[in-house]
Amino acid sequence: MIFKALADIAVVVHLGFVAFAVLGGLTALRWPKMVWVHLPALAWATAIETFGWICPLTHLENALRIRGGEAAYEEGFVDRYLIPILYPEALPMLRWPLVAALLAINVAAYWFVWRRHGR
């Protein structure tokens, strides 16, 4: 029971990280020093999606699910949880538009931060 709960917590943490990677640049509009926290997260999320790597949080969740008597899964977090919600019939070619959107949102946010604080 405890391992299933921990696996669920890992999913929530993972979802929080994904949300921060996608929208974290917007936090820098209010707190400019967040750039130094967000840029590594953005770089990691971009690398994971670009190269098709599996995030360590996925491995952690799988290990916890196995310890809790559930089955693990092969695909990554985005493919398992987010793609079925956002795109019920996920196509492999969606990877690049997702990476482009991830970068575009944050480039726009950082452009506003730079215009406001960085000249």
PDB file of N, CA and C in Angstrom:
ATOM      1  N   MET A   1       0.815  -1.192   0.000  1.00  0.00           N
ATOM      2  CA  MET A   1       0.000   0.000   0.000  1.00  0.00           C
ATOM      3  C   MET A   1       0.864   1.264   0.000  1.00  0.00           C
ATOM      4  N   ILE A   2       1.913   1.289   0.818  1.00  0.00           N
ATOM      5  CA  ILE A   2       2.772   2.468   0.915  1.00  0.00           C
ATOM      6  C   ILE A   2       3.506   2.717  -0.402  1.00  0.00           C
ATOM      7  N   PHE A   3       3.918   1.650  -1.093  1.00  0.00           N
ATOM      8  CA  PHE A   3       4.643   1.817  -2.346  1.00  0.00           C
ATOM      9  C   PHE A   3       3.740   2.354  -3.448  1.00  0.00           C
ATOM     10  N   LYS A   4       2.491   1.941  -3.448  1.00  0.00           N
ATOM     11  CA  LYS A   4       1.537   2.487  -4.422  1.00  0.00           C
ATOM     12  C   LYS A   4       1.339   3.979  -4.180  1.00  0.00           C
ATOM     13  N   ALA A   5       1.223   4.363  -2.920  1.00  0.00           N
ATOM     14  CA  ALA A   5       1.062   5.782  -2.579  1.00  0.00           C
ATOM     15  C   ALA A   5       2.304   6.576  -2.976  1.00  0.00           C
ATOM     16  N   LEU A   6       3.479   6.013  -2.726  1.00  0.00           N
ATOM     17  CA  LEU A   6       4.719   6.687  -3.119  1.00  0.00           C
ATOM     18  C   LEU A   6       4.824   6.818  -4.635  1.00  0.00           C
ATOM     19  N   ALA A   7       4.376   5.793  -5.363  1.00  0.00           N
ATOM     20  CA  ALA A   7       4.378   5.856  -6.827  1.00  0.00           C
ATOM     21  C   ALA A   7       3.445   6.966  -7.302  1.00  0.00           C
ATOM     22  N   ASP A   8       2.304   7.098  -6.669  1.00  0.00           N
ATOM     23  CA  ASP A   8       1.374   8.169  -7.023  1.00  0.00           C
ATOM     24  C   ASP A   8       1.971   9.540  -6.718  1.00  0.00           C
ATOM     25  N   ILE A   9       2.682   9.647  -5.617  1.00  0.00           N
ATOM     26  CA  ILE A   9       3.359  10.904  -5.286  1.00  0.00           C
ATOM     27  C   ILE A   9       4.422  11.215  -6.339  1.00  0.00           C
ATOM     28  N   ALA A  10       5.132  10.190  -6.796  1.00  0.00           N
ATOM     29  CA  ALA A  10       6.124  10.396  -7.855  1.00  0.00           C
ATOM     30  C   ALA A  10       5.471  10.939  -9.119  1.00  0.00           C
ATOM     31  N   VAL A  11       4.270  10.458  -9.439  1.00  0.00           N
ATOM     32  CA  VAL A  11       3.546  10.962 -10.612  1.00  0.00           C
ATOM     33  C   VAL A  11       3.199  12.440 -10.424  1.00  0.00           C
ATOM     34  N   VAL A  12       2.748  12.805  -9.242  1.00  0.00           N
ATOM     35  CA  VAL A  12       2.392  14.204  -8.977  1.00  0.00           C
ATOM     36  C   VAL A  12       3.633  15.096  -9.069  1.00  0.00           C
ATOM     37  N   VAL A  13       4.745  14.649  -8.498  1.00  0.00           N
ATOM     38  CA  VAL A  13       5.997  15.405  -8.586  1.00  0.00           C
ATOM     39  C   VAL A  13       6.418  15.537 -10.050  1.00  0.00           C
ATOM     40  N   HIS A  14       6.290  14.456 -10.799  1.00  0.00           N
ATOM     41  CA  HIS A  14       6.654  14.455 -12.213  1.00  0.00           C
ATOM     42  C   HIS A  14       5.792  15.451 -12.983  1.00  0.00           C
ATOM     43  N   LEU A  15       4.497  15.426 -12.725  1.00  0.00           N
ATOM     44  CA  LEU A  15       3.593  16.364 -13.386  1.00  0.00           C
ATOM     45  C   LEU A  15       3.957  17.806 -13.026  1.00  0.00           C
ATOM     46  N   GLY A  16       4.297  18.039 -11.774  1.00  0.00           N
ATOM     47  CA  GLY A  16       4.733  19.372 -11.359  1.00  0.00           C
ATOM     48  C   GLY A  16       5.986  19.810 -12.090  1.00  0.00           C
ATOM     49  N   PHE A  17       6.921  18.894 -12.256  1.00  0.00           N
ATOM     50  CA  PHE A  17       8.144  19.218 -12.990  1.00  0.00           C
ATOM     51  C   PHE A  17       7.832  19.548 -14.440  1.00  0.00           C
ATOM     52  N   VAL A  18       6.973  18.753 -15.070  1.00  0.00           N
ATOM     53  CA  VAL A  18       6.608  19.014 -16.471  1.00  0.00           C
ATOM     54  C   VAL A  18       5.948  20.388 -16.586  1.00  0.00           C
ATOM     55  N   ALA A  19       5.027  20.692 -15.680  1.00  0.00           N
ATOM     56  CA  ALA A  19       4.367  22.001 -15.708  1.00  0.00           C
ATOM     57  C   ALA A  19       5.385  23.128 -15.513  1.00  0.00           C
ATOM     58  N   PHE A  20       6.331  22.932 -14.599  1.00  0.00           N
ATOM     59  CA  PHE A  20       7.354  23.945 -14.372  1.00  0.00           C
ATOM     60  C   PHE A  20       8.245  24.105 -15.598  1.00  0.00           C
ATOM     61  N   ALA A  21       8.599  23.002 -16.247  1.00  0.00           N
ATOM     62  CA  ALA A  21       9.432  23.088 -17.443  1.00  0.00           C
ATOM     63  C   ALA A  21       8.710  23.849 -18.547  1.00  0.00           C
ATOM     64  N   VAL A  22       7.423  23.608 -18.695  1.00  0.00           N
ATOM     65  CA  VAL A  22       6.655  24.258 -19.762  1.00  0.00           C
ATOM     66  C   VAL A  22       6.381  25.724 -19.437  1.00  0.00           C
ATOM     67  N   LEU A  23       5.976  26.012 -18.217  1.00  0.00           N
ATOM     68  CA  LEU A  23       5.521  27.357 -17.880  1.00  0.00           C
ATOM     69  C   LEU A  23       6.431  28.112 -16.915  1.00  0.00           C
ATOM     70  N   GLY A  24       7.525  27.495 -16.520  1.00  0.00           N
ATOM     71  CA  GLY A  24       8.397  28.103 -15.514  1.00  0.00           C
ATOM     72  C   GLY A  24       9.015  29.414 -15.933  1.00  0.00           C
ATOM     73  N   GLY A  25       9.184  29.618 -17.228  1.00  0.00           N
ATOM     74  CA  GLY A  25       9.705  30.899 -17.683  1.00  0.00           C
ATOM     75  C   GLY A  25       8.806  32.049 -17.272  1.00  0.00           C
ATOM     76  N   LEU A  26       7.523  31.761 -17.133  1.00  0.00           N
ATOM     77  CA  LEU A  26       6.583  32.800 -16.709  1.00  0.00           C
ATOM     78  C   LEU A  26       6.821  33.228 -15.260  1.00  0.00           C
ATOM     79  N   THR A  27       7.363  32.322 -14.447  1.00  0.00           N
ATOM     80  CA  THR A  27       7.657  32.700 -13.060  1.00  0.00           C
ATOM     81  C   THR A  27       8.755  33.761 -13.002  1.00  0.00           C
ATOM     82  N   ALA A  28       9.628  33.758 -14.006  1.00  0.00           N
ATOM     83  CA  ALA A  28      10.709  34.742 -14.046  1.00  0.00           C
ATOM     84  C   ALA A  28      10.181  36.150 -14.312  1.00  0.00           C
ATOM     85  N   LEU A  29       8.967  36.257 -14.825  1.00  0.00           N
ATOM     86  CA  LEU A  29       8.374  37.579 -14.996  1.00  0.00           C
ATOM     87  C   LEU A  29       8.165  38.256 -13.644  1.00  0.00           C
ATOM     88  N   ARG A  30       7.833  37.452 -12.652  1.00  0.00           N
ATOM     89  CA  ARG A  30       7.611  37.972 -11.291  1.00  0.00           C
ATOM     90  C   ARG A  30       8.888  37.920 -10.463  1.00  0.00           C
ATOM     91  N   TRP A  31       9.618  36.836 -10.586  1.00  0.00           N
ATOM     92  CA  TRP A  31      10.848  36.615  -9.816  1.00  0.00           C
ATOM     93  C   TRP A  31      11.986  36.329 -10.789  1.00  0.00           C
ATOM     94  N   PRO A  32      12.707  37.337 -11.237  1.00  0.00           N
ATOM     95  CA  PRO A  32      13.752  37.150 -12.262  1.00  0.00           C
ATOM     96  C   PRO A  32      14.822  36.119 -11.912  1.00  0.00           C
ATOM     97  N   LYS A  33      15.106  35.907 -10.644  1.00  0.00           N
ATOM     98  CA  LYS A  33      16.131  34.925 -10.267  1.00  0.00           C
ATOM     99  C   LYS A  33      15.679  33.486 -10.512  1.00  0.00           C
ATOM    100  N   MET A  34      14.383  33.284 -10.768  1.00  0.00           N
ATOM    101  CA  MET A  34      13.885  31.940 -11.097  1.00  0.00           C
ATOM    102  C   MET A  34      14.484  31.424 -12.396  1.00  0.00           C
ATOM    103  N   VAL A  35      15.037  32.326 -13.187  1.00  0.00           N
ATOM    104  CA  VAL A  35      15.700  31.914 -14.430  1.00  0.00           C
ATOM    105  C   VAL A  35      16.728  30.833 -14.137  1.00  0.00           C
ATOM    106  N   TRP A  36      17.460  30.984 -13.052  1.00  0.00           N
ATOM    107  CA  TRP A  36      18.549  30.062 -12.721  1.00  0.00           C
ATOM    108  C   TRP A  36      18.045  28.713 -12.219  1.00  0.00           C
ATOM    109  N   VAL A  37      16.814  28.658 -11.806  1.00  0.00           N
ATOM    110  CA  VAL A  37      16.196  27.381 -11.433  1.00  0.00           C
ATOM    111  C   VAL A  37      15.514  26.766 -12.660  1.00  0.00           C
ATOM    112  N   HIS A  38      14.882  27.625 -13.444  1.00  0.00           N
ATOM    113  CA  HIS A  38      14.105  27.127 -14.561  1.00  0.00           C
ATOM    114  C   HIS A  38      14.956  26.675 -15.740  1.00  0.00           C
ATOM    115  N   LEU A  39      16.012  27.395 -16.073  1.00  0.00           N
ATOM    116  CA  LEU A  39      16.801  27.024 -17.256  1.00  0.00           C
ATOM    117  C   LEU A  39      17.324  25.589 -17.216  1.00  0.00           C
ATOM    118  N   PRO A  40      17.857  25.113 -16.090  1.00  0.00           N
ATOM    119  CA  PRO A  40      18.265  23.701 -16.071  1.00  0.00           C
ATOM    120  C   PRO A  40      17.077  22.740 -16.236  1.00  0.00           C
ATOM    121  N   ALA A  41      15.938  23.087 -15.650  1.00  0.00           N
ATOM    122  CA  ALA A  41      14.747  22.243 -15.809  1.00  0.00           C
ATOM    123  C   ALA A  41      14.298  22.228 -17.264  1.00  0.00           C
ATOM    124  N   LEU A  42      14.312  23.385 -17.900  1.00  0.00           N
ATOM    125  CA  LEU A  42      13.946  23.476 -19.312  1.00  0.00           C
ATOM    126  C   LEU A  42      14.916  22.678 -20.181  1.00  0.00           C
ATOM    127  N   ALA A  43      16.202  22.810 -19.901  1.00  0.00           N
ATOM    128  CA  ALA A  43      17.200  22.067 -20.675  1.00  0.00           C
ATOM    129  C   ALA A  43      16.991  20.553 -20.524  1.00  0.00           C
ATOM    130  N   TRP A  44      16.746  20.115 -19.298  1.00  0.00           N
ATOM    131  CA  TRP A  44      16.521  18.686 -19.047  1.00  0.00           C
ATOM    132  C   TRP A  44      15.267  18.195 -19.775  1.00  0.00           C
ATOM    133  N   ALA A  45      14.157  18.915 -19.647  1.00  0.00           N
ATOM    134  CA  ALA A  45      12.907  18.509 -20.291  1.00  0.00           C
ATOM    135  C   ALA A  45      13.058  18.489 -21.812  1.00  0.00           C
ATOM    136  N   THR A  46      13.760  19.478 -22.348  1.00  0.00           N
ATOM    137  CA  THR A  46      13.983  19.518 -23.798  1.00  0.00           C
ATOM    138  C   THR A  46      14.830  18.332 -24.245  1.00  0.00           C
ATOM    139  N   ALA A  47      15.876  18.017 -23.487  1.00  0.00           N
ATOM    140  CA  ALA A  47      16.726  16.874 -23.838  1.00  0.00           C
ATOM    141  C   ALA A  47      15.950  15.563 -23.756  1.00  0.00           C
ATOM    142  N   ILE A  48      15.140  15.397 -22.715  1.00  0.00           N
ATOM    143  CA  ILE A  48      14.343  14.179 -22.553  1.00  0.00           C
ATOM    144  C   ILE A  48      13.436  13.983 -23.764  1.00  0.00           C
ATOM    145  N   GLU A  49      12.749  15.049 -24.167  1.00  0.00           N
ATOM    146  CA  GLU A  49      11.826  14.941 -25.292  1.00  0.00           C
ATOM    147  C   GLU A  49      12.553  14.816 -26.623  1.00  0.00           C
ATOM    148  N   THR A  50      13.624  15.577 -26.791  1.00  0.00           N
ATOM    149  CA  THR A  50      14.356  15.566 -28.063  1.00  0.00           C
ATOM    150  C   THR A  50      14.975  14.200 -28.341  1.00  0.00           C
ATOM    151  N   PHE A  51      15.593  13.621 -27.332  1.00  0.00           N
ATOM    152  CA  PHE A  51      16.315  12.365 -27.538  1.00  0.00           C
ATOM    153  C   PHE A  51      15.502  11.133 -27.180  1.00  0.00           C
ATOM    154  N   GLY A  52      14.279  11.324 -26.688  1.00  0.00           N
ATOM    155  CA  GLY A  52      13.428  10.191 -26.356  1.00  0.00           C
ATOM    156  C   GLY A  52      13.898   9.412 -25.140  1.00  0.00           C
ATOM    157  N   TRP A  53      14.624  10.069 -24.254  1.00  0.00           N
ATOM    158  CA  TRP A  53      15.105   9.419 -23.036  1.00  0.00           C
ATOM    159  C   TRP A  53      13.941   9.193 -22.078  1.00  0.00           C
ATOM    160  N   ILE A  54      14.166   8.320 -21.122  1.00  0.00           N
ATOM    161  CA  ILE A  54      13.197   8.088 -20.050  1.00  0.00           C
ATOM    162  C   ILE A  54      13.699   8.822 -18.811  1.00  0.00           C
ATOM    163  N   CYS A  55      12.850   9.642 -18.237  1.00  0.00           N
ATOM    164  CA  CYS A  55      13.217  10.429 -17.059  1.00  0.00           C
ATOM    165  C   CYS A  55      13.436   9.513 -15.848  1.00  0.00           C
ATOM    166  N   PRO A  56      14.387   9.835 -14.996  1.00  0.00           N
ATOM    167  CA  PRO A  56      14.597   9.037 -13.778  1.00  0.00           C
ATOM    168  C   PRO A  56      13.355   8.954 -12.882  1.00  0.00           C
ATOM    169  N   LEU A  57      12.499   9.951 -12.916  1.00  0.00           N
ATOM    170  CA  LEU A  57      11.269   9.871 -12.126  1.00  0.00           C
ATOM    171  C   LEU A  57      10.367   8.745 -12.626  1.00  0.00           C
ATOM    172  N   THR A  58      10.420   8.458 -13.914  1.00  0.00           N
ATOM    173  CA  THR A  58       9.657   7.334 -14.464  1.00  0.00           C
ATOM    174  C   THR A  58      10.201   6.023 -13.915  1.00  0.00           C
ATOM    175  N   HIS A  59      11.529   5.914 -13.876  1.00  0.00           N
ATOM    176  CA  HIS A  59      12.144   4.700 -13.317  1.00  0.00           C
ATOM    177  C   HIS A  59      11.778   4.548 -11.830  1.00  0.00           C
ATOM    178  N   LEU A  60      11.792   5.662 -11.102  1.00  0.00           N
ATOM    179  CA  LEU A  60      11.417   5.621  -9.687  1.00  0.00           C
ATOM    180  C   LEU A  60       9.974   5.157  -9.529  1.00  0.00           C
ATOM    181  N   GLU A  61       9.079   5.747 -10.313  1.00  0.00           N
ATOM    182  CA  GLU A  61       7.679   5.349 -10.224  1.00  0.00           C
ATOM    183  C   GLU A  61       7.509   3.866 -10.534  1.00  0.00           C
ATOM    184  N   ASN A  62       8.163   3.392 -11.593  1.00  0.00           N
ATOM    185  CA  ASN A  62       8.071   1.973 -11.948  1.00  0.00           C
ATOM    186  C   ASN A  62       8.567   1.076 -10.822  1.00  0.00           C
ATOM    187  N   ALA A  63       9.698   1.438 -10.231  1.00  0.00           N
ATOM    188  CA  ALA A  63      10.242   0.631  -9.142  1.00  0.00           C
ATOM    189  C   ALA A  63       9.268   0.592  -7.963  1.00  0.00           C
ATOM    190  N   LEU A  64       8.665   1.723  -7.657  1.00  0.00           N
ATOM    191  CA  LEU A  64       7.697   1.763  -6.563  1.00  0.00           C
ATOM    192  C   LEU A  64       6.441   0.959  -6.885  1.00  0.00           C
ATOM    193  N   ARG A  65       5.996   1.028  -8.135  1.00  0.00           N
ATOM    194  CA  ARG A  65       4.810   0.261  -8.531  1.00  0.00           C
ATOM    195  C   ARG A  65       5.090  -1.251  -8.429  1.00  0.00           C
ATOM    196  N   ILE A  66       6.261  -1.673  -8.861  1.00  0.00           N
ATOM    197  CA  ILE A  66       6.626  -3.091  -8.777  1.00  0.00           C
ATOM    198  C   ILE A  66       6.672  -3.525  -7.311  1.00  0.00           C
ATOM    199  N   ARG A  67       7.290  -2.696  -6.453  1.00  0.00           N
ATOM    200  CA  ARG A  67       7.340  -3.031  -5.023  1.00  0.00           C
ATOM    201  C   ARG A  67       5.949  -3.082  -4.405  1.00  0.00           C
ATOM    202  N   GLY A  68       5.019  -2.306  -4.998  1.00  0.00           N
ATOM    203  CA  GLY A  68       3.646  -2.284  -4.494  1.00  0.00           C
ATOM    204  C   GLY A  68       2.752  -3.346  -5.123  1.00  0.00           C
ATOM    205  N   GLY A  69       3.344  -4.219  -5.962  1.00  0.00           N
ATOM    206  CA  GLY A  69       2.580  -5.306  -6.562  1.00  0.00           C
ATOM    207  C   GLY A  69       1.875  -4.956  -7.855  1.00  0.00           C
ATOM    208  N   GLU A  70       2.170  -3.794  -8.423  1.00  0.00           N
ATOM    209  CA  GLU A  70       1.582  -3.399  -9.694  1.00  0.00           C
ATOM    210  C   GLU A  70       2.573  -3.653 -10.818  1.00  0.00           C
ATOM    211  N   ALA A  71       2.102  -3.518 -12.038  1.00  0.00           N
ATOM    212  CA  ALA A  71       2.968  -3.697 -13.205  1.00  0.00           C
ATOM    213  C   ALA A  71       3.642  -2.373 -13.556  1.00  0.00           C
ATOM    214  N   ALA A  72       4.878  -2.453 -13.998  1.00  0.00           N
ATOM    215  CA  ALA A  72       5.600  -1.285 -14.500  1.00  0.00           C
ATOM    216  C   ALA A  72       5.194  -1.058 -15.955  1.00  0.00           C
ATOM    217  N   TYR A  73       5.669   0.009 -16.533  1.00  0.00           N
ATOM    218  CA  TYR A  73       5.401   0.290 -17.938  1.00  0.00           C
ATOM    219  C   TYR A  73       6.696   0.685 -18.624  1.00  0.00           C
ATOM    220  N   GLU A  74       6.705   0.598 -19.950  1.00  0.00           N
ATOM    221  CA  GLU A  74       7.924   0.815 -20.727  1.00  0.00           C
ATOM    222  C   GLU A  74       8.102   2.265 -21.170  1.00  0.00           C
ATOM    223  N   GLU A  75       7.026   2.937 -21.535  1.00  0.00           N
ATOM    224  CA  GLU A  75       7.136   4.282 -22.088  1.00  0.00           C
ATOM    225  C   GLU A  75       7.411   5.315 -21.006  1.00  0.00           C
ATOM    226  N   GLY A  76       7.736   6.523 -21.430  1.00  0.00           N
ATOM    227  CA  GLY A  76       8.024   7.600 -20.497  1.00  0.00           C
ATOM    228  C   GLY A  76       6.763   8.256 -19.964  1.00  0.00           C
ATOM    229  N   PHE A  77       6.971   9.151 -19.015  1.00  0.00           N
ATOM    230  CA  PHE A  77       5.874   9.837 -18.338  1.00  0.00           C
ATOM    231  C   PHE A  77       4.957  10.565 -19.318  1.00  0.00           C
ATOM    232  N   VAL A  78       5.547  11.355 -20.207  1.00  0.00           N
ATOM    233  CA  VAL A  78       4.746  12.128 -21.158  1.00  0.00           C
ATOM    234  C   VAL A  78       3.922  11.192 -22.031  1.00  0.00           C
ATOM    235  N   ASP A  79       4.555  10.136 -22.533  1.00  0.00           N
ATOM    236  CA  ASP A  79       3.843   9.189 -23.397  1.00  0.00           C
ATOM    237  C   ASP A  79       2.741   8.449 -22.641  1.00  0.00           C
ATOM    238  N   ARG A  80       2.989   8.125 -21.388  1.00  0.00           N
ATOM    239  CA  ARG A  80       2.010   7.348 -20.615  1.00  0.00           C
ATOM    240  C   ARG A  80       0.845   8.191 -20.105  1.00  0.00           C
ATOM    241  N   TYR A  81       1.132   9.376 -19.579  1.00  0.00           N
ATOM    242  CA  TYR A  81       0.101  10.147 -18.898  1.00  0.00           C
ATOM    243  C   TYR A  81      -0.414  11.352 -19.698  1.00  0.00           C
ATOM    244  N   LEU A  82       0.479  12.100 -20.302  1.00  0.00           N
ATOM    245  CA  LEU A  82       0.047  13.349 -20.913  1.00  0.00           C
ATOM    246  C   LEU A  82      -0.451  13.198 -22.346  1.00  0.00           C
ATOM    247  N   ILE A  83       0.265  12.439 -23.161  1.00  0.00           N
ATOM    248  CA  ILE A  83      -0.145  12.283 -24.557  1.00  0.00           C
ATOM    249  C   ILE A  83      -1.544  11.686 -24.668  1.00  0.00           C
ATOM    250  N   PRO A  84      -1.886  10.635 -23.910  1.00  0.00           N
ATOM    251  CA  PRO A  84      -3.260  10.119 -24.029  1.00  0.00           C
ATOM    252  C   PRO A  84      -4.330  11.137 -23.637  1.00  0.00           C
ATOM    253  N   ILE A  85      -3.993  12.066 -22.741  1.00  0.00           N
ATOM    254  CA  ILE A  85      -4.958  13.090 -22.354  1.00  0.00           C
ATOM    255  C   ILE A  85      -5.046  14.170 -23.427  1.00  0.00           C
ATOM    256  N   LEU A  86      -3.881  14.650 -23.862  1.00  0.00           N
ATOM    257  CA  LEU A  86      -3.864  15.741 -24.822  1.00  0.00           C
ATOM    258  C   LEU A  86      -4.181  15.280 -26.247  1.00  0.00           C
ATOM    259  N   TYR A  87      -3.690  14.123 -26.605  1.00  0.00           N
ATOM    260  CA  TYR A  87      -3.848  13.595 -27.958  1.00  0.00           C
ATOM    261  C   TYR A  87      -4.228  12.127 -27.859  1.00  0.00           C
ATOM    262  N   PRO A  88      -5.503  11.821 -27.778  1.00  0.00           N
ATOM    263  CA  PRO A  88      -5.928  10.434 -27.556  1.00  0.00           C
ATOM    264  C   PRO A  88      -5.313   9.425 -28.524  1.00  0.00           C
ATOM    265  N   GLU A  89      -5.083   9.808 -29.753  1.00  0.00           N
ATOM    266  CA  GLU A  89      -4.420   8.905 -30.698  1.00  0.00           C
ATOM    267  C   GLU A  89      -3.032   9.469 -30.989  1.00  0.00           C
ATOM    268  N   ALA A  90      -2.155   9.339 -30.009  1.00  0.00           N
ATOM    269  CA  ALA A  90      -0.822   9.935 -30.105  1.00  0.00           C
ATOM    270  C   ALA A  90      -0.067   9.426 -31.319  1.00  0.00           C
ATOM    271  N   LEU A  91       0.527  10.358 -32.030  1.00  0.00           N
ATOM    272  CA  LEU A  91       1.338  10.030 -33.190  1.00  0.00           C
ATOM    273  C   LEU A  91       2.793  10.338 -32.867  1.00  0.00           C
ATOM    274  N   PRO A  92       3.707   9.509 -33.350  1.00  0.00           N
ATOM    275  CA  PRO A  92       5.124   9.768 -33.057  1.00  0.00           C
ATOM    276  C   PRO A  92       5.595  11.140 -33.532  1.00  0.00           C
ATOM    277  N   MET A  93       4.968  11.669 -34.552  1.00  0.00           N
ATOM    278  CA  MET A  93       5.429  12.954 -35.080  1.00  0.00           C
ATOM    279  C   MET A  93       5.055  14.137 -34.185  1.00  0.00           C
ATOM    280  N   LEU A  94       4.343  13.914 -33.090  1.00  0.00           N
ATOM    281  CA  LEU A  94       3.998  15.004 -32.173  1.00  0.00           C
ATOM    282  C   LEU A  94       5.163  15.427 -31.298  1.00  0.00           C
ATOM    283  N   ARG A  95       6.204  14.643 -31.237  1.00  0.00           N
ATOM    284  CA  ARG A  95       7.333  14.971 -30.363  1.00  0.00           C
ATOM    285  C   ARG A  95       7.915  16.335 -30.699  1.00  0.00           C
ATOM    286  N   TRP A  96       8.139  16.630 -31.960  1.00  0.00           N
ATOM    287  CA  TRP A  96       8.770  17.894 -32.333  1.00  0.00           C
ATOM    288  C   TRP A  96       7.871  19.100 -32.103  1.00  0.00           C
ATOM    289  N   PRO A  97       6.566  19.026 -32.402  1.00  0.00           N
ATOM    290  CA  PRO A  97       5.712  20.163 -32.039  1.00  0.00           C
ATOM    291  C   PRO A  97       5.679  20.418 -30.527  1.00  0.00           C
ATOM    292  N   LEU A  98       5.735  19.357 -29.727  1.00  0.00           N
ATOM    293  CA  LEU A  98       5.767  19.542 -28.273  1.00  0.00           C
ATOM    294  C   LEU A  98       7.054  20.226 -27.834  1.00  0.00           C
ATOM    295  N   VAL A  99       8.178  19.814 -28.405  1.00  0.00           N
ATOM    296  CA  VAL A  99       9.454  20.457 -28.081  1.00  0.00           C
ATOM    297  C   VAL A  99       9.420  21.913 -28.527  1.00  0.00           C
ATOM    298  N   ALA A 100       8.887  22.166 -29.726  1.00  0.00           N
ATOM    299  CA  ALA A 100       8.805  23.536 -30.229  1.00  0.00           C
ATOM    300  C   ALA A 100       7.925  24.403 -29.327  1.00  0.00           C
ATOM    301  N   ALA A 101       6.806  23.863 -28.884  1.00  0.00           N
ATOM    302  CA  ALA A 101       5.921  24.623 -27.990  1.00  0.00           C
ATOM    303  C   ALA A 101       6.606  24.886 -26.655  1.00  0.00           C
ATOM    304  N   LEU A 102       7.281  23.889 -26.118  1.00  0.00           N
ATOM    305  CA  LEU A 102       8.021  24.043 -24.873  1.00  0.00           C
ATOM    306  C   LEU A 102       9.017  25.186 -24.973  1.00  0.00           C
ATOM    307  N   LEU A 103       9.765  25.207 -26.046  1.00  0.00           N
ATOM    308  CA  LEU A 103      10.770  26.252 -26.223  1.00  0.00           C
ATOM    309  C   LEU A 103      10.130  27.605 -26.543  1.00  0.00           C
ATOM    310  N   ALA A 104       9.098  27.624 -27.377  1.00  0.00           N
ATOM    311  CA  ALA A 104       8.474  28.892 -27.777  1.00  0.00           C
ATOM    312  C   ALA A 104       7.864  29.620 -26.582  1.00  0.00           C
ATOM    313  N   ILE A 105       7.163  28.902 -25.739  1.00  0.00           N
ATOM    314  CA  ILE A 105       6.555  29.517 -24.554  1.00  0.00           C
ATOM    315  C   ILE A 105       7.628  30.164 -23.691  1.00  0.00           C
ATOM    316  N   ASN A 106       8.716  29.454 -23.494  1.00  0.00           N
ATOM    317  CA  ASN A 106       9.750  29.960 -22.601  1.00  0.00           C
ATOM    318  C   ASN A 106      10.618  31.026 -23.243  1.00  0.00           C
ATOM    319  N   VAL A 107      10.869  30.940 -24.541  1.00  0.00           N
ATOM    320  CA  VAL A 107      11.601  32.011 -25.228  1.00  0.00           C
ATOM    321  C   VAL A 107      10.803  33.307 -25.128  1.00  0.00           C
ATOM    322  N   ALA A 108       9.496  33.237 -25.337  1.00  0.00           N
ATOM    323  CA  ALA A 108       8.655  34.428 -25.221  1.00  0.00           C
ATOM    324  C   ALA A 108       8.706  34.990 -23.801  1.00  0.00           C
ATOM    325  N   ALA A 109       8.607  34.131 -22.806  1.00  0.00           N
ATOM    326  CA  ALA A 109       8.652  34.590 -21.415  1.00  0.00           C
ATOM    327  C   ALA A 109       9.997  35.238 -21.104  1.00  0.00           C
ATOM    328  N   TYR A 110      11.085  34.625 -21.536  1.00  0.00           N
ATOM    329  CA  TYR A 110      12.403  35.183 -21.257  1.00  0.00           C
ATOM    330  C   TYR A 110      12.654  36.464 -22.045  1.00  0.00           C
ATOM    331  N   TRP A 111      12.053  36.594 -23.197  1.00  0.00           N
ATOM    332  CA  TRP A 111      12.176  37.829 -23.941  1.00  0.00           C
ATOM    333  C   TRP A 111      11.550  38.977 -23.139  1.00  0.00           C
ATOM    334  N   PHE A 112      10.367  38.717 -22.547  1.00  0.00           N
ATOM    335  CA  PHE A 112       9.731  39.734 -21.715  1.00  0.00           C
ATOM    336  C   PHE A 112      10.572  40.033 -20.465  1.00  0.00           C
ATOM    337  N   VAL A 113      11.145  39.021 -19.865  1.00  0.00           N
ATOM    338  CA  VAL A 113      12.008  39.237 -18.691  1.00  0.00           C
ATOM    339  C   VAL A 113      13.208  40.082 -19.089  1.00  0.00           C
ATOM    340  N   TRP A 114      13.819  39.755 -20.204  1.00  0.00           N
ATOM    341  CA  TRP A 114      14.985  40.503 -20.662  1.00  0.00           C
ATOM    342  C   TRP A 114      14.614  41.960 -20.936  1.00  0.00           C
ATOM    343  N   ARG A 115      13.483  42.175 -21.585  1.00  0.00           N
ATOM    344  CA  ARG A 115      13.047  43.551 -21.898  1.00  0.00           C
ATOM    345  C   ARG A 115      12.776  44.336 -20.612  1.00  0.00           C
ATOM    346  N   ARG A 116      12.247  43.671 -19.609  1.00  0.00           N
ATOM    347  CA  ARG A 116      11.890  44.364 -18.366  1.00  0.00           C
ATOM    348  C   ARG A 116      13.095  44.571 -17.456  1.00  0.00           C
ATOM    349  N   HIS A 117      13.963  43.554 -17.345  1.00  0.00           N
ATOM    350  CA  HIS A 117      15.012  43.572 -16.313  1.00  0.00           C
ATOM    351  C   HIS A 117      16.434  43.558 -16.856  1.00  0.00           C
ATOM    352  N   GLY A 118      16.636  43.078 -18.059  1.00  0.00           N
ATOM    353  CA  GLY A 118      17.987  42.712 -18.442  1.00  0.00           C
ATOM    354  C   GLY A 118      18.773  43.639 -19.318  1.00  0.00           C
ATOM    355  N   ARG A 119      18.229  44.717 -19.744  1.00  0.00           N
ATOM    356  CA  ARG A 119      18.987  45.557 -20.669  1.00  0.00           C
ATOM    357  C   ARG A 119      20.188  46.058 -19.993  1.00  0.00           C
TER     358      ARG A 119
END
